Amino acid sequence: MNTQPTGMWTAALLCLSLLSFNLNADPSEHHGHLQWTMEDLLESQSYPFAIGHRGYGANDGSDTSRPIENSIDAVRRAFLEGIQVVEVDVVQTLDGKAVALHDDYLDDFTCVNQLTFDELKTRLPSVAKLKQILHAARRFSRKRHSERPSGLVIVEIKTPSPLCDPDDSSQLSLTEAVVSDITKSRMTEQVLIESFSPEILGLVAERAPQLPRTLAISAFQLLTPEMIEAYTGLPVTLMEKSSPFGLQWVEAGTLFRAPLYGSANDYLFTLSASLSRAASIDKAVIQLLESQAPGTSSLLIAQLHQIGQRAMVYTVNDEAEWLLLATLGVDGIYTDDVPMGLALEGIGSTAP
C-alpha cells in the first residue's frame, strides 16, 4: 500500500496543473515587452507610416465592399492587411460607456449621451464599445505575429458638441471612461490618445501620465471667428471657458467647439505645454500655411522634429498628396485607402 501522505500528491498535482497552464498561456498577455508598443512605431525609422482612418477608412455603410467605420470588423481587417496602427473616434453613452463613433450625435441629431449602449446598438448594430475595439487590436499587438509593429490604436477623444453638451461639462466623464477602458484592457503602451482639446489631454495626463498624447489641429482653428462665420455660414460664439493654455474657445453653430490659435507658433506652444508626443495636423493646415508663405509647412514639420514631436497628417487618399507630404518629412499619414497607404509606406521620406 502506498503510505505517502495525500498532501504530497495534492501539491504535486497542483504544480503540474500550474505548469500546464503556463505552457499553454499566451506570454504576451502577461509581459508587456512581448507586445509592440506605440514607441516602437514612433521610433521605427520607417516614415511615413500609414494610419487606418476610423479603422479601415471612413464608410457609413454605403460602400458594402468595406467594413463600416470605427467597427470591430474595420479594425480587424486593417490589421489583417498589414496596417500598423488604426485610429478610432470615441464618444460616451447615457450609461457611461465609451463607444467608437465619429460624432456624439446621430444622423437625426439624437445625442449619443441620451441613449444607453443597448439602445444605441439597436439603432447602429455595428457600434462597439472601446474596450471591444481594444480587445480586437490586442491580439495583433503580439510580436510573434509580425516583424514590424502592429495592433496599435490612436484613440481620438471627441470634443463634445454644443448640441449634446450645452454646459460644456461632459469631457471629464468621457475622459475617465476612456482611460479606464484602456487601463483595464492593459493597452496603455499600445494606445496614443488624440484630441483637439488640450484640456482633455491635460485630464488624460493627470489620470494616466504614461499614456502618450497627440494634439490635433484643423485649419478652422487658425482662422478668426469672423473668417469662420464667413466660410461656414454658421454663427460663432466666443466661449467663457477657463483655459490653462490661455486659448480662446469658440462654438460654431451647435456642432463645432474648439480652441483657436492665433498662429502656428501658438499651436506649437500649446503642443509642448500639453506634453504631447505628436502633432495631428489637418492637411488643410499645410495648404493654408503654403498659401500664406511657401516653405512654411516644411518649416513647421522641421520645428516639430526639433522639439521631439512626430508629425502626422490627416486624411490623405491620393498618391500624389501622400508623396508630397513624405517629401516634407511627415512621419505618419491617416488614410481611408489602407491598401494605398501600405503600398506607399516609407517611400520618399525626408523624416529624420
Protein backbone atom coordinates (compact mmCIF):
# COMPACT_ATOMS: atom_id res chain seq x y z
CA MET A 1 0.00 0.00 0.00
CA ASN A 2 1.22 3.50 -0.79
CA THR A 3 1.67 5.21 2.54
CA GLN A 4 2.81 8.65 1.28
CA PRO A 5 0.66 11.43 2.67
CA THR A 6 -2.10 12.66 0.39
CA GLY A 7 -0.89 16.23 0.89
CA MET A 8 2.21 15.49 -1.18
CA TRP A 9 0.12 14.22 -4.09
CA THR A 10 -2.14 17.25 -3.87
CA ALA A 11 0.86 19.58 -4.04
CA ALA A 12 2.37 17.66 -6.97
CA LEU A 13 -0.86 17.74 -8.94
CA LEU A 14 -1.18 21.45 -8.28
CA CYS A 15 2.34 22.06 -9.58
CA LEU A 16 1.64 20.03 -12.72
CA SER A 17 -1.58 21.91 -13.36
CA LEU A 18 0.17 25.27 -12.97
CA LEU A 19 2.96 24.13 -15.30
CA SER A 20 0.40 23.07 -17.90
CA PHE A 21 -1.34 26.43 -17.55
CA ASN A 22 1.91 28.33 -18.07
CA LEU A 23 2.89 26.28 -21.10
CA ASN A 24 -0.44 26.96 -22.78
CA ALA A 25 -0.74 30.60 -21.73
CA ASP A 26 -0.04 33.37 -24.19
CA PRO A 27 3.08 35.11 -22.84
CA SER A 28 2.09 38.42 -24.45
CA GLU A 29 -0.89 38.53 -22.11
CA HIS A 30 1.45 38.73 -19.13
CA HIS A 31 4.59 40.55 -20.29
CA GLY A 32 4.22 43.94 -21.94
CA HIS A 33 7.69 43.70 -23.54
CA LEU A 34 6.36 40.92 -25.79
CA GLN A 35 3.86 43.30 -27.34
CA TRP A 36 4.53 46.01 -29.87
CA THR A 37 4.30 49.45 -28.30
CA MET A 38 3.44 52.87 -29.65
CA GLU A 39 7.06 53.88 -29.12
CA ASP A 40 8.14 51.02 -31.40
CA LEU A 41 6.13 52.68 -34.15
CA LEU A 42 7.10 56.28 -33.43
CA GLU A 43 10.79 55.33 -33.38
CA SER A 44 10.65 52.76 -36.18
CA GLN A 45 12.60 54.93 -38.68
CA SER A 46 10.19 53.88 -41.44
CA TYR A 47 8.31 57.02 -42.41
CA PRO A 48 5.71 57.94 -43.29
CA PHE A 49 3.72 55.10 -41.75
CA ALA A 50 0.07 54.62 -42.71
CA ILE A 51 -2.70 55.13 -40.16
CA GLY A 52 -6.02 53.41 -40.81
CA HIS A 53 -8.50 56.28 -40.50
CA ARG A 54 -11.53 55.14 -38.48
CA GLY A 55 -10.13 51.63 -38.75
CA TYR A 56 -10.29 50.76 -42.42
CA GLY A 57 -11.40 54.18 -43.67
CA ALA A 58 -14.45 56.43 -43.48
CA ASN A 59 -17.53 54.45 -44.51
CA ASP A 60 -21.05 54.86 -43.18
CA GLY A 61 -22.08 51.57 -44.73
CA SER A 62 -22.83 52.86 -48.22
CA ASP A 63 -19.73 51.04 -49.53
CA THR A 64 -20.59 47.39 -48.96
CA SER A 65 -17.14 46.22 -50.06
CA ARG A 66 -15.58 47.63 -46.88
CA PRO A 67 -16.46 47.36 -43.20
CA ILE A 68 -18.31 50.20 -41.51
CA GLU A 69 -16.03 52.80 -39.95
CA ASN A 70 -15.00 52.58 -36.29
CA SER A 71 -16.23 48.99 -36.08
CA ILE A 72 -14.51 45.85 -34.82
CA ASP A 73 -14.56 44.48 -38.39
CA ALA A 74 -12.85 47.63 -39.68
CA VAL A 75 -10.06 47.34 -37.10
CA ARG A 76 -9.55 43.63 -37.72
CA ARG A 77 -9.45 43.98 -41.50
CA ALA A 78 -6.92 46.81 -41.33
CA PHE A 79 -4.58 44.77 -39.14
CA LEU A 80 -5.08 41.61 -41.20
CA GLU A 81 -3.97 43.52 -44.30
CA GLY A 82 -0.83 44.73 -42.55
CA ILE A 83 -1.58 48.17 -41.11
CA GLN A 84 0.48 49.01 -38.04
CA VAL A 85 -1.88 51.46 -36.39
CA VAL A 86 -5.54 52.42 -36.66
CA GLU A 87 -7.42 55.47 -35.44
CA VAL A 88 -10.88 55.33 -33.86
CA ASP A 89 -13.13 58.09 -32.51
CA VAL A 90 -14.72 57.78 -29.07
CA VAL A 91 -17.83 59.34 -27.50
CA GLN A 92 -19.95 58.36 -24.47
CA THR A 93 -23.42 56.88 -23.98
CA LEU A 94 -26.05 57.69 -21.35
CA ASP A 95 -24.90 54.73 -19.23
CA GLY A 96 -21.29 55.89 -19.30
CA LYS A 97 -19.88 53.53 -21.94
CA ALA A 98 -17.05 54.76 -24.16
CA VAL A 99 -18.08 53.81 -27.72
CA ALA A 100 -16.39 54.12 -31.10
CA LEU A 101 -18.31 56.69 -33.15
CA HIS A 102 -17.16 59.70 -35.12
CA ASP A 103 -19.72 62.13 -33.68
CA ASP A 104 -21.57 62.42 -30.38
CA TYR A 105 -24.85 62.70 -32.30
CA LEU A 106 -26.58 60.53 -34.90
CA ASP A 107 -27.80 61.46 -38.38
CA ASP A 108 -31.12 62.64 -36.96
CA PHE A 109 -29.21 64.70 -34.35
CA THR A 110 -30.12 62.40 -31.48
CA CYS A 111 -27.34 62.78 -28.93
CA VAL A 112 -25.44 59.61 -28.09
CA ASN A 113 -25.38 60.64 -24.44
CA GLN A 114 -29.17 60.37 -24.43
CA LEU A 115 -29.07 56.67 -25.36
CA THR A 116 -27.89 53.67 -23.38
CA PHE A 117 -25.43 51.41 -25.15
CA ASP A 118 -28.16 48.83 -25.77
CA GLU A 119 -30.41 51.49 -27.28
CA LEU A 120 -27.57 52.73 -29.46
CA LYS A 121 -26.75 49.17 -30.52
CA THR A 122 -30.35 48.70 -31.63
CA ARG A 123 -30.05 51.73 -33.90
CA LEU A 124 -26.46 51.05 -35.03
CA PRO A 125 -25.72 47.32 -34.96
CA SER A 126 -22.07 47.85 -35.94
CA VAL A 127 -21.27 50.10 -32.97
CA ALA A 128 -18.75 48.76 -30.47
CA LYS A 129 -17.52 49.70 -27.03
CA LEU A 130 -13.96 50.99 -26.89
CA LYS A 131 -12.94 48.02 -24.77
CA GLN A 132 -14.15 45.68 -27.55
CA ILE A 133 -12.07 47.58 -30.10
CA LEU A 134 -9.02 47.33 -27.85
CA HIS A 135 -9.59 43.61 -27.29
CA ALA A 136 -9.69 43.07 -31.06
CA ALA A 137 -6.49 45.09 -31.54
CA ARG A 138 -4.64 43.41 -28.67
CA ARG A 139 -4.24 40.06 -30.41
CA PHE A 140 -2.46 41.79 -33.29
CA SER A 141 -0.01 43.53 -30.96
CA ARG A 142 1.75 40.27 -30.12
CA LYS A 143 5.27 40.40 -31.51
CA ARG A 144 5.17 36.83 -32.70
CA HIS A 145 2.58 37.82 -35.33
CA SER A 146 4.75 40.26 -37.25
CA GLU A 147 8.25 41.54 -37.82
CA ARG A 148 7.06 45.13 -37.51
CA PRO A 149 4.69 46.99 -35.17
CA SER A 150 1.02 46.02 -35.25
CA GLY A 151 -2.08 46.15 -33.09
CA LEU A 152 -1.62 49.83 -32.16
CA VAL A 153 -4.54 52.23 -31.71
CA ILE A 154 -4.90 56.01 -31.82
CA VAL A 155 -7.95 56.85 -29.71
CA GLU A 156 -9.42 60.25 -30.52
CA ILE A 157 -11.45 61.54 -27.60
CA LYS A 158 -14.00 63.69 -29.38
CA THR A 159 -14.58 67.19 -28.11
CA PRO A 160 -18.26 67.17 -27.01
CA SER A 161 -20.50 69.25 -29.27
CA PRO A 162 -22.60 72.22 -28.06
CA LEU A 163 -25.67 70.28 -29.18
CA CYS A 164 -25.08 67.36 -26.83
CA ASP A 165 -23.11 69.13 -24.11
CA PRO A 166 -24.52 72.68 -23.92
CA ASP A 167 -22.97 73.27 -20.49
CA ASP A 168 -19.52 72.03 -21.55
CA SER A 169 -19.49 69.63 -18.61
CA SER A 170 -19.06 66.12 -20.01
CA GLN A 171 -15.40 65.97 -21.03
CA LEU A 172 -14.25 64.74 -17.59
CA SER A 173 -16.67 61.79 -17.58
CA LEU A 174 -15.75 60.89 -21.16
CA THR A 175 -12.03 61.09 -20.47
CA GLU A 176 -12.28 58.93 -17.36
CA ALA A 177 -14.30 56.29 -19.22
CA VAL A 178 -11.68 56.13 -21.98
CA VAL A 179 -8.73 55.95 -19.58
CA SER A 180 -10.49 53.25 -17.55
CA ASP A 181 -11.09 51.06 -20.61
CA ILE A 182 -7.50 51.40 -21.81
CA THR A 183 -6.07 50.63 -18.39
CA LYS A 184 -8.33 47.64 -17.78
CA SER A 185 -7.51 46.32 -21.26
CA ARG A 186 -3.79 46.50 -20.42
CA MET A 187 -3.19 48.54 -23.56
CA THR A 188 -1.53 51.64 -22.12
CA GLU A 189 1.64 51.01 -24.16
CA GLN A 190 -0.29 50.30 -27.36
CA VAL A 191 -2.50 53.41 -27.39
CA LEU A 192 -1.92 57.03 -28.36
CA ILE A 193 -4.58 59.47 -27.11
CA GLU A 194 -5.62 62.14 -29.60
CA SER A 195 -7.83 65.18 -29.08
CA PHE A 196 -8.47 68.65 -30.49
CA SER A 197 -8.84 69.76 -26.86
CA PRO A 198 -5.62 70.38 -24.94
CA GLU A 199 -7.79 70.41 -21.82
CA ILE A 200 -8.83 66.81 -22.48
CA LEU A 201 -5.20 65.87 -22.99
CA GLY A 202 -4.46 67.51 -19.66
CA LEU A 203 -7.11 65.39 -17.97
CA VAL A 204 -5.55 62.27 -19.51
CA ALA A 205 -2.11 63.32 -18.28
CA GLU A 206 -3.44 63.72 -14.74
CA ARG A 207 -5.12 60.31 -14.67
CA ALA A 208 -2.72 58.24 -16.77
CA PRO A 209 0.54 60.11 -17.40
CA GLN A 210 2.01 57.01 -19.03
CA LEU A 211 -0.40 57.34 -21.98
CA PRO A 212 1.26 59.22 -24.87
CA ARG A 213 -0.82 62.01 -26.36
CA THR A 214 -1.20 63.89 -29.65
CA LEU A 215 -2.84 67.31 -30.06
CA ALA A 216 -4.89 67.63 -33.24
CA ILE A 217 -5.45 70.84 -35.18
CA SER A 218 -7.80 71.76 -38.04
CA ALA A 219 -7.45 74.67 -40.46
CA PHE A 220 -10.51 76.33 -38.89
CA GLN A 221 -8.56 76.76 -35.67
CA LEU A 222 -6.13 79.11 -37.38
CA LEU A 223 -8.94 81.40 -38.56
CA THR A 224 -10.58 84.31 -36.78
CA PRO A 225 -14.21 83.98 -35.62
CA GLU A 226 -15.21 86.34 -38.43
CA MET A 227 -13.45 84.19 -41.01
CA ILE A 228 -15.12 81.03 -39.66
CA GLU A 229 -18.53 82.68 -39.93
CA ALA A 230 -17.83 83.82 -43.48
CA TYR A 231 -16.57 80.40 -44.55
CA THR A 232 -19.18 78.20 -42.87
CA GLY A 233 -22.19 80.50 -42.66
CA LEU A 234 -22.56 79.47 -39.02
CA PRO A 235 -22.86 81.89 -36.11
CA VAL A 236 -19.71 81.85 -33.98
CA THR A 237 -19.89 82.42 -30.23
CA LEU A 238 -16.92 83.19 -28.01
CA MET A 239 -16.95 80.87 -25.01
CA GLU A 240 -16.25 81.95 -21.45
CA LYS A 241 -14.08 78.92 -20.85
CA SER A 242 -11.17 78.92 -18.45
CA SER A 243 -8.25 77.51 -20.41
CA PRO A 244 -4.96 76.76 -18.63
CA PHE A 245 -3.31 77.26 -22.02
CA GLY A 246 -4.72 80.77 -22.45
CA LEU A 247 -6.75 79.87 -25.54
CA GLN A 248 -9.98 81.39 -26.75
CA TRP A 249 -12.60 78.70 -27.31
CA VAL A 250 -15.46 79.16 -29.75
CA GLU A 251 -18.67 77.43 -30.73
CA ALA A 252 -19.78 77.48 -34.37
CA GLY A 253 -23.45 76.62 -34.60
CA THR A 254 -24.41 73.64 -32.47
CA LEU A 255 -21.93 71.08 -33.76
CA PHE A 256 -18.46 72.64 -33.51
CA ARG A 257 -16.49 73.55 -30.36
CA ALA A 258 -12.74 74.13 -30.35
CA PRO A 259 -9.93 76.42 -29.22
CA LEU A 260 -8.46 78.92 -31.68
CA TYR A 261 -4.77 79.52 -32.35
CA GLY A 262 -3.56 82.93 -33.40
CA SER A 263 -0.71 81.35 -35.33
CA ALA A 264 1.11 78.09 -35.95
CA ASN A 265 3.54 79.13 -33.21
CA ASP A 266 0.65 79.32 -30.72
CA TYR A 267 -0.22 75.74 -31.65
CA LEU A 268 3.41 74.63 -31.18
CA PHE A 269 3.49 76.29 -27.76
CA THR A 270 0.28 74.54 -26.70
CA LEU A 271 1.55 71.23 -28.09
CA SER A 272 4.66 71.48 -25.93
CA ALA A 273 2.76 72.73 -22.88
CA SER A 274 0.37 69.77 -23.09
CA LEU A 275 3.38 67.41 -23.07
CA SER A 276 2.20 65.74 -26.25
CA ARG A 277 4.22 63.12 -28.11
CA ALA A 278 3.00 64.02 -31.59
CA ALA A 279 1.03 66.53 -33.65
CA SER A 280 -2.01 65.51 -35.72
CA ILE A 281 -2.41 68.10 -38.47
CA ASP A 282 -5.21 68.68 -40.95
CA LYS A 283 -3.77 68.65 -44.48
CA ALA A 284 -5.71 71.88 -44.99
CA VAL A 285 -3.36 73.46 -42.41
CA ILE A 286 -0.45 72.57 -44.68
CA GLN A 287 -2.26 74.11 -47.65
CA LEU A 288 -3.17 77.23 -45.67
CA LEU A 289 0.39 77.80 -44.50
CA GLU A 290 1.77 77.31 -48.00
CA SER A 291 -0.74 79.79 -49.44
CA GLN A 292 0.45 82.37 -46.92
CA ALA A 293 4.17 81.76 -47.40
CA PRO A 294 5.72 78.96 -49.48
CA GLY A 295 8.00 76.75 -47.42
CA THR A 296 6.18 77.45 -44.14
CA SER A 297 4.76 73.93 -43.89
CA SER A 298 8.14 72.23 -44.20
CA LEU A 299 9.44 74.66 -41.56
CA LEU A 300 6.57 73.61 -39.26
CA ILE A 301 7.46 69.93 -39.69
CA ALA A 302 11.12 70.70 -39.00
CA GLN A 303 10.19 72.64 -35.86
CA LEU A 304 8.11 69.72 -34.64
CA HIS A 305 11.05 67.38 -35.06
CA GLN A 306 13.34 69.83 -33.27
CA ILE A 307 11.12 69.72 -30.17
CA GLY A 308 10.89 65.92 -30.27
CA GLN A 309 7.43 65.64 -31.81
CA ARG A 310 6.22 63.34 -34.58
CA ALA A 311 4.14 64.98 -37.31
CA MET A 312 1.04 63.12 -38.51
CA VAL A 313 -1.29 64.49 -41.22
CA TYR A 314 -4.93 63.63 -41.97
CA THR A 315 -6.68 62.48 -44.19
CA VAL A 316 -4.92 61.57 -47.46
CA ASN A 317 -6.39 59.30 -50.14
CA ASP A 318 -4.38 60.49 -53.14
CA GLU A 319 -0.96 59.12 -54.07
CA ALA A 320 0.43 62.46 -55.24
CA GLU A 321 -0.63 64.14 -51.99
CA TRP A 322 0.95 61.34 -49.99
CA LEU A 323 4.28 61.61 -51.79
CA LEU A 324 4.32 65.40 -51.41
CA LEU A 325 3.79 65.09 -47.65
CA ALA A 326 6.54 62.46 -47.49
CA THR A 327 9.00 64.93 -49.02
CA LEU A 328 8.03 67.46 -46.32
CA GLY A 329 9.19 64.98 -43.69
CA VAL A 330 5.81 63.90 -42.31
CA ASP A 331 6.03 60.85 -40.02
CA GLY A 332 2.52 59.40 -40.28
CA ILE A 333 -0.43 59.81 -42.63
CA TYR A 334 -4.07 58.98 -41.88
CA THR A 335 -5.81 57.40 -44.86
CA ASP A 336 -9.16 55.91 -45.87
CA ASP A 337 -7.33 53.87 -48.52
CA VAL A 338 -5.45 51.31 -46.46
CA PRO A 339 -4.06 49.35 -49.48
CA MET A 340 -2.67 52.59 -50.95
CA GLY A 341 -1.17 53.59 -47.61
CA LEU A 342 0.53 50.23 -47.18
CA ALA A 343 1.96 50.41 -50.69
CA LEU A 344 3.40 53.89 -50.11
CA GLU A 345 4.78 53.48 -46.58
CA GLY A 346 8.39 54.63 -46.31
CA ILE A 347 8.62 55.99 -49.87
CA GLY A 348 10.14 59.42 -50.48
CA SER A 349 10.51 60.34 -46.83
CA THR A 350 12.88 63.02 -45.55
CA ALA A 351 11.90 62.48 -41.90
CA PRO A 352 14.89 62.22 -39.54
